[in-house]
Amino acid sequence: MTSGNNFSFVYAKSVVKDVEKIHSLDRIRIKEQIELLSAFPLVQNIKRLTNHPLADFRLRVGNYRVLFDVDFDNRKLFILKIGHRKDVY
C-alpha cells in the first residue's frame, strides 16, 4: 500500500486470476500503470465509465483495461478487474 497524499490500493480477489491469464510483458506494463494510479486523478489514459455494472473508471494499458472504483474519503482505489478490452466491457 502507498501512503501520504496518494491513494492506496485494494485488489479484488478475482484480480489475481485475471492477472495470471496475461502475458508477462503485458503484466509488467499493467503493474507499472497501476502504481501510477496512486496519483489519481493526475493520470493519463483514465476514463469515467457510464452505466458499467462493475466499475466507475477504467485505465487503458495497450489492449488491456484496468477497471476500478475510487473512495475519495478514505483515499483508496479498488482494483476490480483486469483484462483484455474485448472481455471486460
Protein backbone atom coordinates (compact mmCIF):
# COMPACT_ATOMS: atom_id res chain seq x y z
CA MET A 1 0.00 0.00 0.00
CA THR A 2 1.08 3.53 -0.74
CA SER A 3 0.92 6.27 1.89
CA GLY A 4 0.93 10.06 2.03
CA ASN A 5 -1.43 12.15 -0.06
CA ASN A 6 -1.59 9.41 -2.65
CA PHE A 7 -4.24 6.75 -2.94
CA SER A 8 -3.71 3.24 -1.66
CA PHE A 9 -4.86 0.12 -3.49
CA VAL A 10 -7.35 -2.59 -2.61
CA TYR A 11 -7.46 -5.54 -5.01
CA ALA A 12 -10.49 -7.74 -5.58
CA LYS A 13 -9.75 -11.46 -5.15
CA SER A 14 -10.67 -12.10 -8.79
CA VAL A 15 -7.86 -9.79 -9.98
CA VAL A 16 -5.27 -12.47 -9.12
CA LYS A 17 -6.92 -14.85 -11.60
CA ASP A 18 -7.23 -12.06 -14.16
CA VAL A 19 -3.51 -11.30 -13.99
CA GLU A 20 -2.48 -14.96 -14.29
CA LYS A 21 -4.06 -15.07 -17.76
CA ILE A 22 -1.99 -12.13 -19.07
CA HIS A 23 1.38 -12.44 -20.82
CA SER A 24 4.31 -11.49 -18.58
CA LEU A 25 5.41 -8.43 -20.59
CA ASP A 26 1.89 -7.01 -20.55
CA ARG A 27 1.63 -7.87 -16.86
CA ILE A 28 4.70 -5.72 -16.11
CA ARG A 29 3.29 -2.75 -18.06
CA ILE A 30 -0.06 -3.08 -16.29
CA LYS A 31 1.64 -3.19 -12.87
CA GLU A 32 3.63 -0.03 -13.67
CA GLN A 33 0.50 1.81 -14.78
CA ILE A 34 -1.45 0.73 -11.70
CA GLU A 35 1.33 2.10 -9.48
CA LEU A 36 0.99 5.44 -11.28
CA LEU A 37 -2.70 5.45 -10.33
CA SER A 38 -1.72 6.36 -6.78
CA ALA A 39 -1.55 9.95 -8.07
CA PHE A 40 -5.20 9.79 -9.20
CA PRO A 41 -6.71 11.85 -10.85
CA LEU A 42 -3.48 13.22 -12.36
CA VAL A 43 -3.01 10.16 -14.58
CA GLN A 44 -3.39 9.79 -18.32
CA ASN A 45 -5.45 7.08 -20.04
CA ILE A 46 -8.25 7.21 -17.45
CA LYS A 47 -11.87 7.44 -18.47
CA ARG A 48 -15.01 7.64 -16.37
CA LEU A 49 -17.38 4.84 -17.33
CA THR A 50 -21.11 5.40 -17.65
CA ASN A 51 -23.59 2.65 -16.88
CA HIS A 52 -20.94 -0.01 -16.29
CA PRO A 53 -22.21 -2.60 -13.77
CA LEU A 54 -18.83 -3.18 -12.10
CA ALA A 55 -16.66 -0.06 -12.09
CA ASP A 56 -16.76 3.73 -12.38
CA PHE A 57 -13.37 4.22 -14.05
CA ARG A 58 -11.05 2.44 -16.44
CA LEU A 59 -7.33 2.70 -17.09
CA ARG A 60 -6.14 1.87 -20.61
CA VAL A 61 -2.87 -0.07 -20.87
CA GLY A 62 -2.44 -1.06 -24.52
CA ASN A 63 -5.14 -3.60 -25.33
CA TYR A 64 -5.83 -4.21 -21.65
CA ARG A 65 -8.14 -2.39 -19.27
CA VAL A 66 -7.98 -1.98 -15.51
CA LEU A 67 -11.44 -1.33 -14.08
CA PHE A 68 -11.54 0.43 -10.73
CA ASP A 69 -13.60 2.47 -8.29
CA VAL A 70 -12.44 5.37 -6.14
CA ASP A 71 -13.15 6.08 -2.46
CA PHE A 72 -12.18 9.75 -2.16
CA ASP A 73 -12.91 9.97 1.57
CA ASN A 74 -10.55 7.12 2.51
CA ARG A 75 -8.08 7.73 -0.36
CA LYS A 76 -8.45 4.20 -1.72
CA LEU A 77 -8.60 2.76 -5.23
CA PHE A 78 -10.43 -0.54 -5.60
CA ILE A 79 -8.98 -2.54 -8.49
CA LEU A 80 -11.92 -4.68 -9.57
CA LYS A 81 -11.00 -6.30 -12.88
CA ILE A 82 -8.07 -6.53 -15.28
CA GLY A 83 -8.46 -7.98 -18.74
CA HIS A 84 -8.29 -7.65 -22.49
CA ARG A 85 -10.51 -4.88 -23.80
CA LYS A 86 -12.76 -7.34 -25.65
CA ASP A 87 -13.51 -9.18 -22.40
CA VAL A 88 -14.01 -6.51 -19.73
CA TYR A 89 -16.90 -4.43 -21.07
